[in-house]
Amino acid sequence: MPFVLPDDWTPEQALAVFELLDDMLDVIRQHYACQLHALLFEQRAPDCHTPKPNDPPF
């Protein structure tokens, strides 16, 4: 989902949004740290499949 930032924000407005998002990220990390770690590991782990006898070694 693309998100377009307004062109008319002041630097102060941009900083306020940045700080809000940063604070939200910290709260989410603190609350869901273990679950996020497990989910990210699961999503980023390489697919492990059992090679078939005729599969090349690479």
PDB file of N, CA and C in Angstrom:
ATOM      1  N   MET A   1       0.842  -1.160   0.000  1.00  0.00           N
ATOM      2  CA  MET A   1       0.000   0.000   0.000  1.00  0.00           C
ATOM      3  C   MET A   1       0.902   1.242   0.000  1.00  0.00           C
ATOM      4  N   PRO A   2       0.931   1.956  -1.086  1.00  0.00           N
ATOM      5  CA  PRO A   2       1.782   3.149  -1.139  1.00  0.00           C
ATOM      6  C   PRO A   2       1.237   4.261  -0.258  1.00  0.00           C
ATOM      7  N   PHE A   3       2.133   5.010   0.291  1.00  0.00           N
ATOM      8  CA  PHE A   3       1.759   6.130   1.137  1.00  0.00           C
ATOM      9  C   PHE A   3       2.485   7.361   0.637  1.00  0.00           C
ATOM     10  N   VAL A   4       1.743   8.423   0.376  1.00  0.00           N
ATOM     11  CA  VAL A   4       2.321   9.644  -0.163  1.00  0.00           C
ATOM     12  C   VAL A   4       2.362  10.694   0.940  1.00  0.00           C
ATOM     13  N   LEU A   5       3.534  11.269   1.133  1.00  0.00           N
ATOM     14  CA  LEU A   5       3.674  12.332   2.121  1.00  0.00           C
ATOM     15  C   LEU A   5       3.272  13.670   1.518  1.00  0.00           C
ATOM     16  N   PRO A   6       2.629  14.506   2.311  1.00  0.00           N
ATOM     17  CA  PRO A   6       2.291  15.823   1.803  1.00  0.00           C
ATOM     18  C   PRO A   6       3.551  16.635   1.498  1.00  0.00           C
ATOM     19  N   ASP A   7       3.505  17.426   0.455  1.00  0.00           N
ATOM     20  CA  ASP A   7       4.656  18.254   0.082  1.00  0.00           C
ATOM     21  C   ASP A   7       4.773  19.511   0.940  1.00  0.00           C
ATOM     22  N   ASP A   8       3.715  19.828   1.676  1.00  0.00           N
ATOM     23  CA  ASP A   8       3.709  21.099   2.390  1.00  0.00           C
ATOM     24  C   ASP A   8       3.983  20.976   3.892  1.00  0.00           C
ATOM     25  N   TRP A   9       4.477  19.824   4.342  1.00  0.00           N
ATOM     26  CA  TRP A   9       4.842  19.694   5.748  1.00  0.00           C
ATOM     27  C   TRP A   9       6.036  20.585   6.054  1.00  0.00           C
ATOM     28  N   THR A  10       6.021  21.138   7.243  1.00  0.00           N
ATOM     29  CA  THR A  10       7.193  21.870   7.710  1.00  0.00           C
ATOM     30  C   THR A  10       8.178  20.844   8.284  1.00  0.00           C
ATOM     31  N   PRO A  11       9.433  21.210   8.428  1.00  0.00           N
ATOM     32  CA  PRO A  11      10.366  20.287   9.077  1.00  0.00           C
ATOM     33  C   PRO A  11       9.906  19.885  10.478  1.00  0.00           C
ATOM     34  N   GLU A  12       9.264  20.788  11.181  1.00  0.00           N
ATOM     35  CA  GLU A  12       8.765  20.476  12.518  1.00  0.00           C
ATOM     36  C   GLU A  12       7.661  19.425  12.469  1.00  0.00           C
ATOM     37  N   GLN A  13       6.785  19.519  11.477  1.00  0.00           N
ATOM     38  CA  GLN A  13       5.727  18.517  11.323  1.00  0.00           C
ATOM     39  C   GLN A  13       6.324  17.155  10.961  1.00  0.00           C
ATOM     40  N   ALA A  14       7.273  17.160  10.076  1.00  0.00           N
ATOM     41  CA  ALA A  14       7.923  15.903   9.697  1.00  0.00           C
ATOM     42  C   ALA A  14       8.617  15.279  10.905  1.00  0.00           C
ATOM     43  N   LEU A  15       9.283  16.091  11.701  1.00  0.00           N
ATOM     44  CA  LEU A  15       9.955  15.584  12.903  1.00  0.00           C
ATOM     45  C   LEU A  15       8.940  15.018  13.893  1.00  0.00           C
ATOM     46  N   ALA A  16       7.804  15.678  14.055  1.00  0.00           N
ATOM     47  CA  ALA A  16       6.778  15.191  14.978  1.00  0.00           C
ATOM     48  C   ALA A  16       6.271  13.815  14.552  1.00  0.00           C
ATOM     49  N   VAL A  17       6.031  13.624  13.261  1.00  0.00           N
ATOM     50  CA  VAL A  17       5.575  12.326  12.761  1.00  0.00           C
ATOM     51  C   VAL A  17       6.672  11.282  12.928  1.00  0.00           C
ATOM     52  N   PHE A  18       7.901  11.659  12.615  1.00  0.00           N
ATOM     53  CA  PHE A  18       9.038  10.750  12.770  1.00  0.00           C
ATOM     54  C   PHE A  18       9.156  10.284  14.219  1.00  0.00           C
ATOM     55  N   GLU A  19       9.068  11.216  15.161  1.00  0.00           N
ATOM     56  CA  GLU A  19       9.185  10.856  16.577  1.00  0.00           C
ATOM     57  C   GLU A  19       8.017   9.976  17.028  1.00  0.00           C
ATOM     58  N   LEU A  20       6.826  10.253  16.529  1.00  0.00           N
ATOM     59  CA  LEU A  20       5.671   9.416  16.863  1.00  0.00           C
ATOM     60  C   LEU A  20       5.880   7.987  16.373  1.00  0.00           C
ATOM     61  N   LEU A  21       6.297   7.850  15.126  1.00  0.00           N
ATOM     62  CA  LEU A  21       6.515   6.509  14.573  1.00  0.00           C
ATOM     63  C   LEU A  21       7.648   5.790  15.299  1.00  0.00           C
ATOM     64  N   ASP A  22       8.696   6.516  15.642  1.00  0.00           N
ATOM     65  CA  ASP A  22       9.814   5.924  16.373  1.00  0.00           C
ATOM     66  C   ASP A  22       9.361   5.436  17.750  1.00  0.00           C
ATOM     67  N   ASP A  23       8.557   6.256  18.429  1.00  0.00           N
ATOM     68  CA  ASP A  23       8.030   5.845  19.739  1.00  0.00           C
ATOM     69  C   ASP A  23       7.118   4.630  19.612  1.00  0.00           C
ATOM     70  N   MET A  24       6.276   4.606  18.572  1.00  0.00           N
ATOM     71  CA  MET A  24       5.394   3.449  18.351  1.00  0.00           C
ATOM     72  C   MET A  24       6.213   2.188  18.113  1.00  0.00           C
ATOM     73  N   LEU A  25       7.258   2.312  17.326  1.00  0.00           N
ATOM     74  CA  LEU A  25       8.112   1.170  17.034  1.00  0.00           C
ATOM     75  C   LEU A  25       8.739   0.623  18.310  1.00  0.00           C
ATOM     76  N   ASP A  26       9.192   1.511  19.197  1.00  0.00           N
ATOM     77  CA  ASP A  26       9.756   1.055  20.471  1.00  0.00           C
ATOM     78  C   ASP A  26       8.735   0.305  21.312  1.00  0.00           C
ATOM     79  N   VAL A  27       7.508   0.818  21.369  1.00  0.00           N
ATOM     80  CA  VAL A  27       6.457   0.169  22.160  1.00  0.00           C
ATOM     81  C   VAL A  27       6.125  -1.207  21.568  1.00  0.00           C
ATOM     82  N   ILE A  28       6.011  -1.267  20.252  1.00  0.00           N
ATOM     83  CA  ILE A  28       5.716  -2.546  19.590  1.00  0.00           C
ATOM     84  C   ILE A  28       6.839  -3.537  19.838  1.00  0.00           C
ATOM     85  N   ARG A  29       8.077  -3.081  19.716  1.00  0.00           N
ATOM     86  CA  ARG A  29       9.220  -3.975  19.971  1.00  0.00           C
ATOM     87  C   ARG A  29       9.198  -4.510  21.395  1.00  0.00           C
ATOM     88  N   GLN A  30       8.946  -3.638  22.357  1.00  0.00           N
ATOM     89  CA  GLN A  30       8.935  -4.069  23.759  1.00  0.00           C
ATOM     90  C   GLN A  30       7.828  -5.088  24.023  1.00  0.00           C
ATOM     91  N   HIS A  31       6.687  -4.866  23.427  1.00  0.00           N
ATOM     92  CA  HIS A  31       5.538  -5.731  23.706  1.00  0.00           C
ATOM     93  C   HIS A  31       5.621  -7.064  22.957  1.00  0.00           C
ATOM     94  N   TYR A  32       6.102  -7.033  21.723  1.00  0.00           N
ATOM     95  CA  TYR A  32       6.064  -8.216  20.867  1.00  0.00           C
ATOM     96  C   TYR A  32       7.447  -8.741  20.487  1.00  0.00           C
ATOM     97  N   ALA A  33       8.466  -8.415  21.242  1.00  0.00           N
ATOM     98  CA  ALA A  33       9.842  -8.752  20.857  1.00  0.00           C
ATOM     99  C   ALA A  33      10.012 -10.234  20.504  1.00  0.00           C
ATOM    100  N   CYS A  34       9.574 -11.110  21.373  1.00  0.00           N
ATOM    101  CA  CYS A  34       9.784 -12.547  21.131  1.00  0.00           C
ATOM    102  C   CYS A  34       8.984 -13.039  19.930  1.00  0.00           C
ATOM    103  N   GLN A  35       7.730 -12.615  19.839  1.00  0.00           N
ATOM    104  CA  GLN A  35       6.889 -13.044  18.727  1.00  0.00           C
ATOM    105  C   GLN A  35       7.411 -12.491  17.399  1.00  0.00           C
ATOM    106  N   LEU A  36       7.857 -11.236  17.397  1.00  0.00           N
ATOM    107  CA  LEU A  36       8.407 -10.644  16.171  1.00  0.00           C
ATOM    108  C   LEU A  36       9.675 -11.365  15.747  1.00  0.00           C
ATOM    109  N   HIS A  37      10.524 -11.662  16.722  1.00  0.00           N
ATOM    110  CA  HIS A  37      11.763 -12.378  16.411  1.00  0.00           C
ATOM    111  C   HIS A  37      11.454 -13.731  15.776  1.00  0.00           C
ATOM    112  N   ALA A  38      10.537 -14.473  16.367  1.00  0.00           N
ATOM    113  CA  ALA A  38      10.192 -15.795  15.841  1.00  0.00           C
ATOM    114  C   ALA A  38       9.575 -15.696  14.448  1.00  0.00           C
ATOM    115  N   LEU A  39       8.693 -14.742  14.243  1.00  0.00           N
ATOM    116  CA  LEU A  39       8.039 -14.586  12.950  1.00  0.00           C
ATOM    117  C   LEU A  39       9.027 -14.155  11.873  1.00  0.00           C
ATOM    118  N   LEU A  40       9.896 -13.194  12.193  1.00  0.00           N
ATOM    119  CA  LEU A  40      10.901 -12.760  11.224  1.00  0.00           C
ATOM    120  C   LEU A  40      11.855 -13.898  10.878  1.00  0.00           C
ATOM    121  N   PHE A  41      12.244 -14.688  11.883  1.00  0.00           N
ATOM    122  CA  PHE A  41      13.109 -15.837  11.624  1.00  0.00           C
ATOM    123  C   PHE A  41      12.427 -16.818  10.690  1.00  0.00           C
ATOM    124  N   GLU A  42      11.148 -17.092  10.957  1.00  0.00           N
ATOM    125  CA  GLU A  42      10.393 -18.032  10.126  1.00  0.00           C
ATOM    126  C   GLU A  42      10.273 -17.528   8.685  1.00  0.00           C
ATOM    127  N   GLN A  43      10.016 -16.232   8.521  1.00  0.00           N
ATOM    128  CA  GLN A  43       9.833 -15.669   7.186  1.00  0.00           C
ATOM    129  C   GLN A  43      11.138 -15.567   6.403  1.00  0.00           C
ATOM    130  N   ARG A  44      12.239 -15.380   7.105  1.00  0.00           N
ATOM    131  CA  ARG A  44      13.516 -15.153   6.432  1.00  0.00           C
ATOM    132  C   ARG A  44      14.403 -16.385   6.346  1.00  0.00           C
ATOM    133  N   ALA A  45      13.986 -17.460   7.013  1.00  0.00           N
ATOM    134  CA  ALA A  45      14.776 -18.686   6.977  1.00  0.00           C
ATOM    135  C   ALA A  45      14.728 -19.271   5.569  1.00  0.00           C
ATOM    136  N   PRO A  46      15.844 -19.807   5.110  1.00  0.00           N
ATOM    137  CA  PRO A  46      15.826 -20.406   3.769  1.00  0.00           C
ATOM    138  C   PRO A  46      14.922 -21.634   3.734  1.00  0.00           C
ATOM    139  N   ASP A  47      14.328 -21.840   2.584  1.00  0.00           N
ATOM    140  CA  ASP A  47      13.505 -23.033   2.409  1.00  0.00           C
ATOM    141  C   ASP A  47      14.400 -24.264   2.446  1.00  0.00           C
ATOM    142  N   CYS A  48      14.051 -25.181   3.288  1.00  0.00           N
ATOM    143  CA  CYS A  48      14.807 -26.426   3.378  1.00  0.00           C
ATOM    144  C   CYS A  48      13.961 -27.516   2.743  1.00  0.00           C
ATOM    145  N   HIS A  49      14.514 -28.118   1.737  1.00  0.00           N
ATOM    146  CA  HIS A  49      13.797 -29.230   1.132  1.00  0.00           C
ATOM    147  C   HIS A  49      14.746 -30.402   1.019  1.00  0.00           C
ATOM    148  N   THR A  50      14.180 -31.558   1.022  1.00  0.00           N
ATOM    149  CA  THR A  50      14.977 -32.765   0.880  1.00  0.00           C
ATOM    150  C   THR A  50      15.322 -32.941  -0.593  1.00  0.00           C
ATOM    151  N   PRO A  51      16.608 -32.966  -0.917  1.00  0.00           N
ATOM    152  CA  PRO A  51      16.972 -33.115  -2.330  1.00  0.00           C
ATOM    153  C   PRO A  51      16.549 -34.483  -2.871  1.00  0.00           C
ATOM    154  N   LYS A  52      16.134 -34.454  -4.104  1.00  0.00           N
ATOM    155  CA  LYS A  52      15.788 -35.705  -4.773  1.00  0.00           C
ATOM    156  C   LYS A  52      17.084 -36.332  -5.289  1.00  0.00           C
ATOM    157  N   PRO A  53      17.083 -37.617  -5.537  1.00  0.00           N
ATOM    158  CA  PRO A  53      18.318 -38.293  -5.959  1.00  0.00           C
ATOM    159  C   PRO A  53      18.964 -37.663  -7.204  1.00  0.00           C
ATOM    160  N   ASN A  54      18.185 -37.104  -8.120  1.00  0.00           N
ATOM    161  CA  ASN A  54      18.764 -36.550  -9.348  1.00  0.00           C
ATOM    162  C   ASN A  54      18.987 -35.049  -9.273  1.00  0.00           C
ATOM    163  N   ASP A  55      18.752 -34.430  -8.123  1.00  0.00           N
ATOM    164  CA  ASP A  55      18.992 -32.993  -7.975  1.00  0.00           C
ATOM    165  C   ASP A  55      20.490 -32.701  -8.040  1.00  0.00           C
ATOM    166  N   PRO A  56      20.864 -31.626  -8.743  1.00  0.00           N
ATOM    167  CA  PRO A  56      22.288 -31.250  -8.733  1.00  0.00           C
ATOM    168  C   PRO A  56      22.671 -30.760  -7.327  1.00  0.00           C
ATOM    169  N   PRO A  57      23.947 -30.807  -6.974  1.00  0.00           N
ATOM    170  CA  PRO A  57      24.381 -30.468  -5.626  1.00  0.00           C
ATOM    171  C   PRO A  57      24.386 -28.964  -5.338  1.00  0.00           C
ATOM    172  N   PHE A  58      23.884 -28.133  -6.227  1.00  0.00           N
ATOM    173  CA  PHE A  58      23.910 -26.684  -6.010  1.00  0.00           C
ATOM    174  C   PHE A  58      22.530 -26.089  -6.047  1.00  0.00           C
TER     175      PHE A  58
END
